[in-house]
Amino acid sequence: MIERSGDMTLATTISLASLRGPVPLAKTLAALDLLSGGRLVAGVGPGSSKRDYDALGISFEDRWKRFDEAVMILRALLRDEPVPVRPNHFALPDTPLAPAPPGAEGIPLWIGSWGSPAGLRRVARLGDGWLASAYNTTPEQFASAREALAIELARQNKSAAQFPNALVTMWTWITDDRADRDRVLREVLCPLLRRDSAELGAQVCVGSADHCAELLASYAETGCQRVYLWPVGDETRQLELAAEIAPRIQ
């Protein structure tokens, strides 16, 4: 599908660098960036599911140390930054990544955080952008976290005005049929995310075009720059419906 993406920026959702390993992940990301002509933005995070770590026999309690180290190695491979002196969790390659990303500055790494103080400090310290989770926040919480992130960025001598952000995992099902909307929440998303339907329904783009436009406009007012829509199904039609409401989002 890369050849059909025109000149659009291509972005990943949050890849679990702590589990995939920074070297194989760097190879994958570099290949995607090369094939797209340097249009890739990579999202990374430690993951929040203990089951993922258990499946690989890795301690869930070690996820933050593993993630910090993985990101530093990714930055060394993808952005030509210094390699960690004594890594504890991952082996370092003997040679530079080849082929390297085509862009002069390498692949930007945006870090996922729900908005906790520790998470935002990590975004400011290690990231080139911030990825917030749609079903784990609200416009009000996003605005508050963005203000806190600006403080942390200043401590890292980074400009908050030039630091990009996006909202990911925005589950999407645009429909004017209330029964259809309730079905998607009750039968698809609530079991998957283990959330209450009333709470979740207010946080995601599932429902009428008016509801979705109002929710996205609220995020735009807080300074949210991008939203990664995730259609629950019928992707082509859902993206067409999303395009119809886009002019209403200022």
Protein backbone atom coordinates (compact mmCIF):
# COMPACT_ATOMS: atom_id res chain seq x y z
CA MET A 1 0.00 0.00 0.00
CA ILE A 2 2.99 2.36 0.31
CA GLU A 3 3.01 3.00 -3.44
CA ARG A 4 -0.59 4.23 -3.19
CA SER A 5 0.02 6.65 -0.32
CA GLY A 6 1.12 9.58 -2.45
CA ASP A 7 3.02 12.14 -0.40
CA MET A 8 1.20 11.45 2.86
CA THR A 9 3.14 11.03 6.07
CA LEU A 10 3.04 7.39 7.17
CA ALA A 11 2.77 6.69 10.88
CA THR A 12 2.81 3.53 12.91
CA THR A 13 0.72 2.94 15.96
CA ILE A 14 2.62 2.17 19.16
CA SER A 15 5.15 -0.60 18.62
CA LEU A 16 6.30 -2.43 21.74
CA ALA A 17 10.01 -1.77 21.53
CA SER A 18 10.63 -3.50 24.87
CA LEU A 19 9.36 -6.80 23.45
CA ARG A 20 10.23 -6.62 19.77
CA GLY A 21 13.82 -5.62 20.50
CA PRO A 22 15.37 -2.41 19.18
CA VAL A 23 17.57 -3.94 16.48
CA PRO A 24 14.94 -5.97 14.57
CA LEU A 25 12.46 -3.13 15.06
CA ALA A 26 14.97 -0.63 13.67
CA LYS A 27 15.46 -2.82 10.58
CA THR A 28 11.71 -2.95 9.98
CA LEU A 29 11.23 0.78 10.45
CA ALA A 30 14.20 1.62 8.24
CA ALA A 31 12.79 -0.55 5.46
CA LEU A 32 9.39 1.17 5.67
CA ASP A 33 11.05 4.58 5.66
CA LEU A 34 13.20 3.66 2.67
CA LEU A 35 10.23 2.32 0.69
CA SER A 36 8.22 5.46 1.45
CA GLY A 37 11.00 7.87 0.58
CA GLY A 38 11.54 9.10 4.12
CA ARG A 39 7.89 9.70 5.10
CA LEU A 40 7.70 7.53 8.21
CA VAL A 41 6.91 8.56 11.78
CA ALA A 42 7.48 5.72 14.26
CA GLY A 43 5.41 5.34 17.42
CA VAL A 44 6.87 3.34 20.32
CA GLY A 45 5.84 2.47 23.85
CA PRO A 46 6.42 -0.15 26.55
CA GLY A 47 2.90 -1.58 26.38
CA SER A 48 0.46 -1.89 29.27
CA SER A 49 -0.50 -5.57 29.05
CA LYS A 50 1.21 -7.97 31.43
CA ARG A 51 0.03 -10.83 29.24
CA ASP A 52 2.27 -9.65 26.41
CA TYR A 53 5.30 -9.86 28.68
CA ASP A 54 4.25 -13.17 30.17
CA ALA A 55 3.94 -14.65 26.68
CA LEU A 56 7.63 -13.92 26.06
CA GLY A 57 8.82 -14.79 29.54
CA ILE A 58 9.87 -11.22 30.31
CA SER A 59 9.28 -9.52 33.64
CA PHE A 60 6.50 -6.95 33.40
CA GLU A 61 8.15 -5.00 36.23
CA ASP A 62 11.24 -4.47 34.07
CA ARG A 63 9.31 -2.89 31.20
CA TRP A 64 10.39 0.71 31.90
CA LYS A 65 14.11 -0.04 32.12
CA ARG A 66 13.87 -2.20 29.00
CA PHE A 67 11.95 0.50 27.17
CA ASP A 68 14.35 3.31 28.02
CA GLU A 69 17.27 1.24 26.80
CA ALA A 70 15.41 0.12 23.67
CA VAL A 71 14.58 3.70 22.71
CA MET A 72 18.18 4.84 23.19
CA ILE A 73 19.36 2.05 20.89
CA LEU A 74 16.64 2.90 18.36
CA ARG A 75 17.75 6.51 18.38
CA ALA A 76 21.34 5.43 17.83
CA LEU A 77 20.37 3.25 14.86
CA LEU A 78 17.69 5.45 13.30
CA ARG A 79 18.84 8.97 14.20
CA ASP A 80 22.61 8.51 14.46
CA GLU A 81 22.78 9.38 18.15
CA PRO A 82 25.23 7.98 20.73
CA VAL A 83 24.91 4.30 21.56
CA PRO A 84 24.30 3.38 25.23
CA VAL A 85 27.63 2.65 26.89
CA ARG A 86 26.66 -0.52 28.77
CA PRO A 87 23.28 -1.90 27.74
CA ASN A 88 21.78 -4.39 30.17
CA HIS A 89 18.88 -5.87 28.22
CA PHE A 90 19.74 -5.80 24.51
CA ALA A 91 22.78 -6.63 22.40
CA LEU A 92 24.24 -3.91 20.21
CA PRO A 93 25.01 -4.52 16.53
CA ASP A 94 28.65 -4.49 15.45
CA THR A 95 27.99 -2.25 12.43
CA PRO A 96 25.71 0.70 11.60
CA LEU A 97 22.22 0.02 10.29
CA ALA A 98 22.22 -0.61 6.54
CA PRO A 99 20.49 0.64 4.57
CA ALA A 100 20.09 3.70 6.77
CA PRO A 101 16.94 5.85 6.72
CA PRO A 102 17.12 8.24 3.74
CA GLY A 103 16.34 11.44 5.64
CA ALA A 104 19.16 13.56 7.03
CA GLU A 105 17.66 13.53 10.53
CA GLY A 106 16.55 9.90 10.49
CA ILE A 107 13.17 8.58 11.58
CA PRO A 108 11.32 10.62 14.23
CA LEU A 109 10.33 8.56 17.27
CA TRP A 110 7.08 9.53 18.95
CA ILE A 111 6.50 8.03 22.38
CA GLY A 112 3.19 6.85 23.74
CA SER A 113 2.02 8.01 27.15
CA TRP A 114 -1.43 8.14 28.72
CA GLY A 115 -0.37 11.36 30.44
CA SER A 116 1.18 10.31 33.77
CA PRO A 117 3.95 12.56 35.15
CA ALA A 118 6.55 9.81 34.68
CA GLY A 119 5.32 9.07 31.18
CA LEU A 120 5.44 12.71 30.11
CA ARG A 121 8.95 13.07 31.51
CA ARG A 122 9.96 10.10 29.36
CA VAL A 123 8.31 11.64 26.28
CA ALA A 124 10.19 14.90 26.82
CA ARG A 125 13.51 13.17 27.47
CA LEU A 126 13.49 10.52 24.74
CA GLY A 127 10.85 11.45 22.18
CA ASP A 128 10.46 13.56 19.06
CA GLY A 129 6.69 13.68 19.58
CA TRP A 130 3.90 12.57 21.92
CA LEU A 131 1.22 9.96 21.27
CA ALA A 132 -1.77 10.04 23.63
CA SER A 133 -4.37 7.26 23.78
CA ALA A 134 -7.90 8.29 22.80
CA TYR A 135 -9.73 5.72 24.91
CA ASN A 136 -7.60 6.55 27.95
CA THR A 137 -8.14 10.29 28.01
CA THR A 138 -10.59 13.14 27.43
CA PRO A 139 -10.08 16.56 25.83
CA GLU A 140 -9.78 18.08 29.30
CA GLN A 141 -7.20 15.51 30.41
CA PHE A 142 -5.31 15.90 27.14
CA ALA A 143 -5.10 19.68 27.64
CA SER A 144 -3.81 19.24 31.19
CA ALA A 145 -1.22 16.67 30.10
CA ARG A 146 -0.09 18.92 27.27
CA GLU A 147 0.56 21.74 29.73
CA ALA A 148 2.55 19.38 31.96
CA LEU A 149 4.52 18.16 28.95
CA ALA A 150 5.45 21.75 28.06
CA ILE A 151 7.08 22.12 31.47
CA GLU A 152 9.04 18.89 31.02
CA LEU A 153 10.12 19.91 27.52
CA ALA A 154 11.46 23.20 28.86
CA ARG A 155 13.58 21.24 31.34
CA GLN A 156 15.05 19.36 28.38
CA ASN A 157 15.67 22.64 26.49
CA LYS A 158 13.09 21.66 23.90
CA SER A 159 10.43 23.91 22.41
CA ALA A 160 6.87 22.91 23.27
CA ALA A 161 5.61 24.90 20.27
CA GLN A 162 7.69 22.74 17.93
CA PHE A 163 7.00 19.42 19.64
CA PRO A 164 4.29 17.49 17.73
CA ASN A 165 1.51 15.39 19.21
CA ALA A 166 -1.21 13.02 18.09
CA LEU A 167 -4.10 11.04 19.51
CA VAL A 168 -3.94 7.33 18.67
CA THR A 169 -6.36 4.39 18.98
CA MET A 170 -9.37 6.55 18.18
CA TRP A 171 -11.80 3.72 17.55
CA THR A 172 -14.20 4.83 14.83
CA TRP A 173 -17.65 3.76 13.68
CA ILE A 174 -19.70 6.63 12.29
CA THR A 175 -23.38 5.77 12.17
CA ASP A 176 -26.69 7.56 12.70
CA ASP A 177 -28.29 4.29 13.81
CA ARG A 178 -28.33 4.34 17.62
CA ALA A 179 -28.85 0.56 17.80
CA ASP A 180 -25.84 0.04 15.53
CA ARG A 181 -23.77 2.37 17.67
CA ASP A 182 -24.77 0.51 20.85
CA ARG A 183 -23.97 -2.84 19.22
CA VAL A 184 -20.44 -1.79 18.32
CA LEU A 185 -19.78 -0.51 21.82
CA ARG A 186 -21.40 -3.42 23.65
CA GLU A 187 -20.30 -6.34 21.46
CA VAL A 188 -17.01 -5.18 19.96
CA LEU A 189 -15.16 -2.52 21.94
CA CYS A 190 -16.27 -2.95 25.54
CA PRO A 191 -15.23 -6.63 25.73
CA LEU A 192 -11.96 -5.83 23.97
CA LEU A 193 -11.03 -2.86 26.15
CA ARG A 194 -12.84 -3.91 29.33
CA ARG A 195 -14.53 -0.56 29.65
CA ASP A 196 -18.01 0.62 30.56
CA SER A 197 -20.04 1.48 27.45
CA ALA A 198 -21.19 4.86 28.75
CA GLU A 199 -17.66 5.98 29.57
CA LEU A 200 -16.17 4.58 26.38
CA GLY A 201 -18.91 6.00 24.18
CA ALA A 202 -17.99 9.51 25.22
CA GLN A 203 -14.30 8.98 24.43
CA VAL A 204 -14.29 7.45 20.95
CA CYS A 205 -15.73 8.26 17.53
CA VAL A 206 -18.51 5.71 17.69
CA GLY A 207 -21.90 7.19 16.94
CA SER A 208 -23.40 9.98 14.89
CA ALA A 209 -21.46 12.34 12.67
CA ASP A 210 -22.39 15.15 15.08
CA HIS A 211 -20.91 13.27 18.06
CA CYS A 212 -17.68 12.49 16.20
CA ALA A 213 -17.27 16.03 14.85
CA GLU A 214 -17.85 17.55 18.29
CA LEU A 215 -15.38 15.18 19.95
CA LEU A 216 -12.65 15.81 17.38
CA ALA A 217 -13.28 19.57 17.46
CA SER A 218 -12.88 19.52 21.25
CA TYR A 219 -9.49 17.90 20.85
CA ALA A 220 -8.49 20.40 18.17
CA GLU A 221 -9.28 23.23 20.59
CA THR A 222 -6.86 21.74 23.14
CA GLY A 223 -3.96 21.79 20.66
CA CYS A 224 -4.22 18.18 19.47
CA GLN A 225 -2.60 18.19 16.03
CA ARG A 226 -3.44 14.76 14.61
CA VAL A 227 -5.86 11.93 15.33
CA TYR A 228 -5.20 8.36 14.18
CA LEU A 229 -8.64 6.97 13.39
CA TRP A 230 -9.09 3.21 13.79
CA PRO A 231 -12.23 2.04 11.99
CA VAL A 232 -13.87 -0.95 13.64
CA GLY A 233 -14.74 -2.29 10.18
CA ASP A 234 -15.63 -1.28 6.59
CA GLU A 235 -12.52 0.90 6.55
CA THR A 236 -13.08 2.55 3.16
CA ARG A 237 -16.61 3.70 3.94
CA GLN A 238 -15.70 4.84 7.44
CA LEU A 239 -12.83 6.97 6.12
CA GLU A 240 -15.19 8.48 3.56
CA LEU A 241 -17.60 9.39 6.35
CA ALA A 242 -14.73 10.82 8.39
CA ALA A 243 -13.69 12.96 5.41
CA GLU A 244 -17.21 14.38 5.28
CA ILE A 245 -17.02 15.68 8.84
CA ALA A 246 -13.44 16.95 8.55
CA PRO A 247 -14.48 20.49 7.45
CA ARG A 248 -16.42 20.81 10.73
CA ILE A 249 -13.27 20.32 12.82
CA GLN A 250 -11.44 23.60 13.45
